[in-house]
């Protein structure tokens, strides 16, 4: 039987996508494509902030 990986949380998926795009951004020359990737990174940051804001109080994880 095939073993399934554990599902990733929304935060983990956002972070992985952001890291991938930042790596891509580092290799792009200045221009429209670089600007588009920068905008996408900003959108991911806003999505993460909105997700944190909309969480229910009992779901909030205290950072240590």
PDB file of N, CA and C in Angstrom:
ATOM      1  N   UNK A   1       0.838  -1.174   0.000  1.00  0.00           N
ATOM      2  CA  UNK A   1       0.000   0.000   0.000  1.00  0.00           C
ATOM      3  C   UNK A   1       0.887   1.242   0.000  1.00  0.00           C
ATOM      4  N   UNK A   2       0.484   2.209  -0.786  1.00  0.00           N
ATOM      5  CA  UNK A   2       1.245   3.429  -0.914  1.00  0.00           C
ATOM      6  C   UNK A   2       1.035   4.343   0.292  1.00  0.00           C
ATOM      7  N   UNK A   3       2.113   4.888   0.780  1.00  0.00           N
ATOM      8  CA  UNK A   3       2.040   5.777   1.942  1.00  0.00           C
ATOM      9  C   UNK A   3       1.835   7.210   1.471  1.00  0.00           C
ATOM     10  N   UNK A   4       0.854   7.872   2.010  1.00  0.00           N
ATOM     11  CA  UNK A   4       0.575   9.251   1.631  1.00  0.00           C
ATOM     12  C   UNK A   4       1.348  10.212   2.511  1.00  0.00           C
ATOM     13  N   UNK A   5       1.769  11.295   1.887  1.00  0.00           N
ATOM     14  CA  UNK A   5       2.447  12.319   2.675  1.00  0.00           C
ATOM     15  C   UNK A   5       1.402  13.101   3.457  1.00  0.00           C
ATOM     16  N   UNK A   6       1.850  13.712   4.525  1.00  0.00           N
ATOM     17  CA  UNK A   6       0.936  14.513   5.332  1.00  0.00           C
ATOM     18  C   UNK A   6       0.560  15.768   4.545  1.00  0.00           C
ATOM     19  N   UNK A   7      -0.674  16.204   4.657  1.00  0.00           N
ATOM     20  CA  UNK A   7      -1.074  17.416   3.928  1.00  0.00           C
ATOM     21  C   UNK A   7      -0.343  18.638   4.477  1.00  0.00           C
ATOM     22  N   UNK A   8      -0.031  19.535   3.585  1.00  0.00           N
ATOM     23  CA  UNK A   8       0.650  20.755   3.992  1.00  0.00           C
ATOM     24  C   UNK A   8      -0.385  21.814   4.362  1.00  0.00           C
ATOM     25  N   UNK A   9      -0.038  22.624   5.326  1.00  0.00           N
ATOM     26  CA  UNK A   9      -0.944  23.684   5.747  1.00  0.00           C
ATOM     27  C   UNK A   9      -0.906  24.814   4.716  1.00  0.00           C
ATOM     28  N   UNK A  10      -1.894  25.677   4.787  1.00  0.00           N
ATOM     29  CA  UNK A  10      -1.938  26.835   3.900  1.00  0.00           C
ATOM     30  C   UNK A  10      -0.672  27.673   4.062  1.00  0.00           C
ATOM     31  N   UNK A  11      -0.258  27.876   5.293  1.00  0.00           N
ATOM     32  CA  UNK A  11       0.934  28.671   5.554  1.00  0.00           C
ATOM     33  C   UNK A  11       2.176  28.046   4.929  1.00  0.00           C
ATOM     34  N   UNK A  12       2.293  26.727   5.013  1.00  0.00           N
ATOM     35  CA  UNK A  12       3.445  26.031   4.437  1.00  0.00           C
ATOM     36  C   UNK A  12       3.457  26.159   2.917  1.00  0.00           C
ATOM     37  N   UNK A  13       2.298  26.057   2.303  1.00  0.00           N
ATOM     38  CA  UNK A  13       2.215  26.172   0.843  1.00  0.00           C
ATOM     39  C   UNK A  13       2.561  27.589   0.388  1.00  0.00           C
ATOM     40  N   UNK A  14       2.050  28.588   1.112  1.00  0.00           N
ATOM     41  CA  UNK A  14       2.359  29.985   0.783  1.00  0.00           C
ATOM     42  C   UNK A  14       3.859  30.246   0.913  1.00  0.00           C
ATOM     43  N   UNK A  15       4.444  29.779   1.990  1.00  0.00           N
ATOM     44  CA  UNK A  15       5.879  29.987   2.235  1.00  0.00           C
ATOM     45  C   UNK A  15       6.718  29.306   1.160  1.00  0.00           C
ATOM     46  N   UNK A  16       6.365  28.088   0.789  1.00  0.00           N
ATOM     47  CA  UNK A  16       7.112  27.363  -0.243  1.00  0.00           C
ATOM     48  C   UNK A  16       7.033  28.092  -1.584  1.00  0.00           C
ATOM     49  N   UNK A  17       5.858  28.576  -1.913  1.00  0.00           N
ATOM     50  CA  UNK A  17       5.688  29.320  -3.158  1.00  0.00           C
ATOM     51  C   UNK A  17       6.485  30.620  -3.129  1.00  0.00           C
ATOM     52  N   UNK A  18       6.452  31.318  -2.000  1.00  0.00           N
ATOM     53  CA  UNK A  18       7.207  32.571  -1.865  1.00  0.00           C
ATOM     54  C   UNK A  18       8.702  32.336  -2.031  1.00  0.00           C
ATOM     55  N   UNK A  19       9.224  31.282  -1.396  1.00  0.00           N
ATOM     56  CA  UNK A  19      10.646  30.969  -1.504  1.00  0.00           C
ATOM     57  C   UNK A  19      11.033  30.618  -2.935  1.00  0.00           C
ATOM     58  N   UNK A  20      10.158  29.868  -3.619  1.00  0.00           N
ATOM     59  CA  UNK A  20      10.430  29.499  -5.005  1.00  0.00           C
ATOM     60  C   UNK A  20      10.488  30.745  -5.887  1.00  0.00           C
ATOM     61  N   UNK A  21       9.545  31.657  -5.676  1.00  0.00           N
ATOM     62  CA  UNK A  21       9.523  32.874  -6.481  1.00  0.00           C
ATOM     63  C   UNK A  21      10.698  33.799  -6.171  1.00  0.00           C
ATOM     64  N   UNK A  22      11.115  33.863  -4.908  1.00  0.00           N
ATOM     65  CA  UNK A  22      12.276  34.695  -4.565  1.00  0.00           C
ATOM     66  C   UNK A  22      13.544  34.145  -5.213  1.00  0.00           C
ATOM     67  N   UNK A  23      13.645  32.809  -5.282  1.00  0.00           N
ATOM     68  CA  UNK A  23      14.786  32.184  -5.950  1.00  0.00           C
ATOM     69  C   UNK A  23      14.755  32.524  -7.440  1.00  0.00           C
ATOM     70  N   UNK A  24      13.562  32.457  -8.043  1.00  0.00           N
ATOM     71  CA  UNK A  24      13.409  32.799  -9.457  1.00  0.00           C
ATOM     72  C   UNK A  24      13.720  34.273  -9.697  1.00  0.00           C
ATOM     73  N   UNK A  25      13.276  35.126  -8.797  1.00  0.00           N
ATOM     74  CA  UNK A  25      13.479  36.565  -8.920  1.00  0.00           C
ATOM     75  C   UNK A  25      14.966  36.913  -8.953  1.00  0.00           C
ATOM     76  N   UNK A  26      15.761  36.199  -8.185  1.00  0.00           N
ATOM     77  CA  UNK A  26      17.193  36.479  -8.103  1.00  0.00           C
ATOM     78  C   UNK A  26      17.893  36.287  -9.445  1.00  0.00           C
ATOM     79  N   UNK A  27      17.346  35.444 -10.315  1.00  0.00           N
ATOM     80  CA  UNK A  27      18.010  35.164 -11.587  1.00  0.00           C
ATOM     81  C   UNK A  27      17.416  35.942 -12.759  1.00  0.00           C
ATOM     82  N   UNK A  28      16.385  36.733 -12.509  1.00  0.00           N
ATOM     83  CA  UNK A  28      15.737  37.463 -13.592  1.00  0.00           C
ATOM     84  C   UNK A  28      16.357  38.845 -13.783  1.00  0.00           C
ATOM     85  N   UNK A  29      16.527  39.256 -15.039  1.00  0.00           N
ATOM     86  CA  UNK A  29      16.995  40.623 -15.285  1.00  0.00           C
ATOM     87  C   UNK A  29      15.847  41.601 -15.064  1.00  0.00           C
ATOM     88  N   UNK A  30      16.174  42.875 -14.919  1.00  0.00           N
ATOM     89  CA  UNK A  30      15.138  43.894 -14.742  1.00  0.00           C
ATOM     90  C   UNK A  30      14.243  43.908 -15.969  1.00  0.00           C
ATOM     91  N   UNK A  31      12.941  43.989 -15.716  1.00  0.00           N
ATOM     92  CA  UNK A  31      11.999  44.014 -16.826  1.00  0.00           C
ATOM     93  C   UNK A  31      10.614  43.601 -16.368  1.00  0.00           C
ATOM     94  N   UNK A  32       9.738  43.361 -17.333  1.00  0.00           N
ATOM     95  CA  UNK A  32       8.341  43.050 -17.042  1.00  0.00           C
ATOM     96  C   UNK A  32       8.176  41.744 -16.270  1.00  0.00           C
ATOM     97  N   UNK A  33       8.941  40.719 -16.648  1.00  0.00           N
ATOM     98  CA  UNK A  33       8.799  39.427 -15.967  1.00  0.00           C
ATOM     99  C   UNK A  33       9.236  39.537 -14.509  1.00  0.00           C
ATOM    100  N   UNK A  34      10.318  40.239 -14.257  1.00  0.00           N
ATOM    101  CA  UNK A  34      10.792  40.438 -12.883  1.00  0.00           C
ATOM    102  C   UNK A  34       9.751  41.204 -12.064  1.00  0.00           C
ATOM    103  N   UNK A  35       9.169  42.236 -12.682  1.00  0.00           N
ATOM    104  CA  UNK A  35       8.138  43.016 -12.002  1.00  0.00           C
ATOM    105  C   UNK A  35       6.926  42.145 -11.664  1.00  0.00           C
ATOM    106  N   UNK A  36       6.540  41.258 -12.587  1.00  0.00           N
ATOM    107  CA  UNK A  36       5.395  40.373 -12.361  1.00  0.00           C
ATOM    108  C   UNK A  36       5.665  39.413 -11.205  1.00  0.00           C
ATOM    109  N   UNK A  37       6.883  38.892 -11.128  1.00  0.00           N
ATOM    110  CA  UNK A  37       7.235  37.984 -10.031  1.00  0.00           C
ATOM    111  C   UNK A  37       7.243  38.743  -8.708  1.00  0.00           C
ATOM    112  N   UNK A  38       7.735  39.978  -8.719  1.00  0.00           N
ATOM    113  CA  UNK A  38       7.734  40.798  -7.498  1.00  0.00           C
ATOM    114  C   UNK A  38       6.313  41.047  -7.005  1.00  0.00           C
ATOM    115  N   UNK A  39       5.413  41.322  -7.933  1.00  0.00           N
ATOM    116  CA  UNK A  39       4.014  41.547  -7.572  1.00  0.00           C
ATOM    117  C   UNK A  39       3.422  40.279  -6.975  1.00  0.00           C
ATOM    118  N   UNK A  40       3.741  39.136  -7.557  1.00  0.00           N
ATOM    119  CA  UNK A  40       3.216  37.861  -7.048  1.00  0.00           C
ATOM    120  C   UNK A  40       3.729  37.599  -5.628  1.00  0.00           C
ATOM    121  N   UNK A  41       4.974  37.909  -5.355  1.00  0.00           N
ATOM    122  CA  UNK A  41       5.528  37.728  -4.008  1.00  0.00           C
ATOM    123  C   UNK A  41       4.781  38.617  -3.013  1.00  0.00           C
ATOM    124  N   UNK A  42       4.510  39.858  -3.402  1.00  0.00           N
ATOM    125  CA  UNK A  42       3.756  40.758  -2.533  1.00  0.00           C
ATOM    126  C   UNK A  42       2.344  40.219  -2.282  1.00  0.00           C
ATOM    127  N   UNK A  43       1.722  39.655  -3.307  1.00  0.00           N
ATOM    128  CA  UNK A  43       0.385  39.081  -3.156  1.00  0.00           C
ATOM    129  C   UNK A  43       0.402  37.916  -2.175  1.00  0.00           C
ATOM    130  N   UNK A  44       1.434  37.094  -2.239  1.00  0.00           N
ATOM    131  CA  UNK A  44       1.546  35.970  -1.310  1.00  0.00           C
ATOM    132  C   UNK A  44       1.717  36.467   0.126  1.00  0.00           C
ATOM    133  N   UNK A  45       2.476  37.543   0.304  1.00  0.00           N
ATOM    134  CA  UNK A  45       2.665  38.104   1.641  1.00  0.00           C
ATOM    135  C   UNK A  45       1.348  38.648   2.181  1.00  0.00           C
ATOM    136  N   UNK A  46       0.577  39.315   1.331  1.00  0.00           N
ATOM    137  CA  UNK A  46      -0.721  39.840   1.747  1.00  0.00           C
ATOM    138  C   UNK A  46      -1.667  38.683   2.086  1.00  0.00           C
ATOM    139  N   UNK A  47      -1.650  37.626   1.280  1.00  0.00           N
ATOM    140  CA  UNK A  47      -2.501  36.466   1.546  1.00  0.00           C
ATOM    141  C   UNK A  47      -2.168  35.841   2.899  1.00  0.00           C
ATOM    142  N   UNK A  48      -0.879  35.741   3.216  1.00  0.00           N
ATOM    143  CA  UNK A  48      -0.472  35.184   4.505  1.00  0.00           C
ATOM    144  C   UNK A  48      -0.938  36.081   5.656  1.00  0.00           C
ATOM    145  N   UNK A  49      -0.815  37.393   5.476  1.00  0.00           N
ATOM    146  CA  UNK A  49      -1.263  38.328   6.516  1.00  0.00           C
ATOM    147  C   UNK A  49      -2.776  38.256   6.703  1.00  0.00           C
ATOM    148  N   UNK A  50      -3.517  38.171   5.604  1.00  0.00           N
ATOM    149  CA  UNK A  50      -4.974  38.076   5.691  1.00  0.00           C
ATOM    150  C   UNK A  50      -5.390  36.778   6.369  1.00  0.00           C
ATOM    151  N   UNK A  51      -4.698  35.705   6.052  1.00  0.00           N
ATOM    152  CA  UNK A  51      -5.002  34.413   6.674  1.00  0.00           C
ATOM    153  C   UNK A  51      -4.795  34.499   8.184  1.00  0.00           C
ATOM    154  N   UNK A  52      -3.691  35.105   8.600  1.00  0.00           N
ATOM    155  CA  UNK A  52      -3.431  35.264  10.035  1.00  0.00           C
ATOM    156  C   UNK A  52      -4.507  36.124  10.693  1.00  0.00           C
ATOM    157  N   UNK A  53      -4.913  37.183  10.014  1.00  0.00           N
ATOM    158  CA  UNK A  53      -5.919  38.093  10.556  1.00  0.00           C
ATOM    159  C   UNK A  53      -7.277  37.397  10.716  1.00  0.00           C
ATOM    160  N   UNK A  54      -7.613  36.532   9.765  1.00  0.00           N
ATOM    161  CA  UNK A  54      -8.931  35.896   9.751  1.00  0.00           C
ATOM    162  C   UNK A  54      -9.020  34.616  10.574  1.00  0.00           C
ATOM    163  N   UNK A  55      -7.914  34.170  11.132  1.00  0.00           N
ATOM    164  CA  UNK A  55      -7.925  32.958  11.942  1.00  0.00           C
ATOM    165  C   UNK A  55      -8.811  33.125  13.162  1.00  0.00           C
ATOM    166  N   UNK A  56      -9.408  32.035  13.573  1.00  0.00           N
ATOM    167  CA  UNK A  56     -10.175  32.043  14.813  1.00  0.00           C
ATOM    168  C   UNK A  56      -9.210  32.128  15.992  1.00  0.00           C
ATOM    169  N   UNK A  57      -9.616  32.775  17.093  1.00  0.00           N
ATOM    170  CA  UNK A  57      -8.706  32.950  18.229  1.00  0.00           C
ATOM    171  C   UNK A  57      -8.121  31.642  18.765  1.00  0.00           C
ATOM    172  N   UNK A  58      -8.874  30.549  18.718  1.00  0.00           N
ATOM    173  CA  UNK A  58      -8.347  29.299  19.271  1.00  0.00           C
ATOM    174  C   UNK A  58      -7.365  28.630  18.314  1.00  0.00           C
ATOM    175  N   UNK A  59      -7.206  29.147  17.103  1.00  0.00           N
ATOM    176  CA  UNK A  59      -6.272  28.589  16.144  1.00  0.00           C
ATOM    177  C   UNK A  59      -4.929  29.334  16.149  1.00  0.00           C
ATOM    178  N   UNK A  60      -4.861  30.408  16.873  1.00  0.00           N
ATOM    179  CA  UNK A  60      -3.652  31.223  16.875  1.00  0.00           C
ATOM    180  C   UNK A  60      -2.533  30.462  17.587  1.00  0.00           C
ATOM    181  N   UNK A  61      -1.390  30.397  16.941  1.00  0.00           N
ATOM    182  CA  UNK A  61      -0.226  29.717  17.501  1.00  0.00           C
ATOM    183  C   UNK A  61       0.703  30.785  18.055  1.00  0.00           C
ATOM    184  N   UNK A  62       1.122  30.632  19.263  1.00  0.00           N
ATOM    185  CA  UNK A  62       2.017  31.602  19.896  1.00  0.00           C
ATOM    186  C   UNK A  62       3.435  31.278  19.482  1.00  0.00           C
ATOM    187  N   UNK A  63       4.130  32.255  18.910  1.00  0.00           N
ATOM    188  CA  UNK A  63       5.519  32.072  18.492  1.00  0.00           C
ATOM    189  C   UNK A  63       6.421  32.058  19.720  1.00  0.00           C
ATOM    190  N   UNK A  64       7.378  31.186  19.699  1.00  0.00           N
ATOM    191  CA  UNK A  64       8.320  31.078  20.833  1.00  0.00           C
ATOM    192  C   UNK A  64       9.679  31.505  20.444  1.00  0.00           C
TER     193      UNK A  64
END
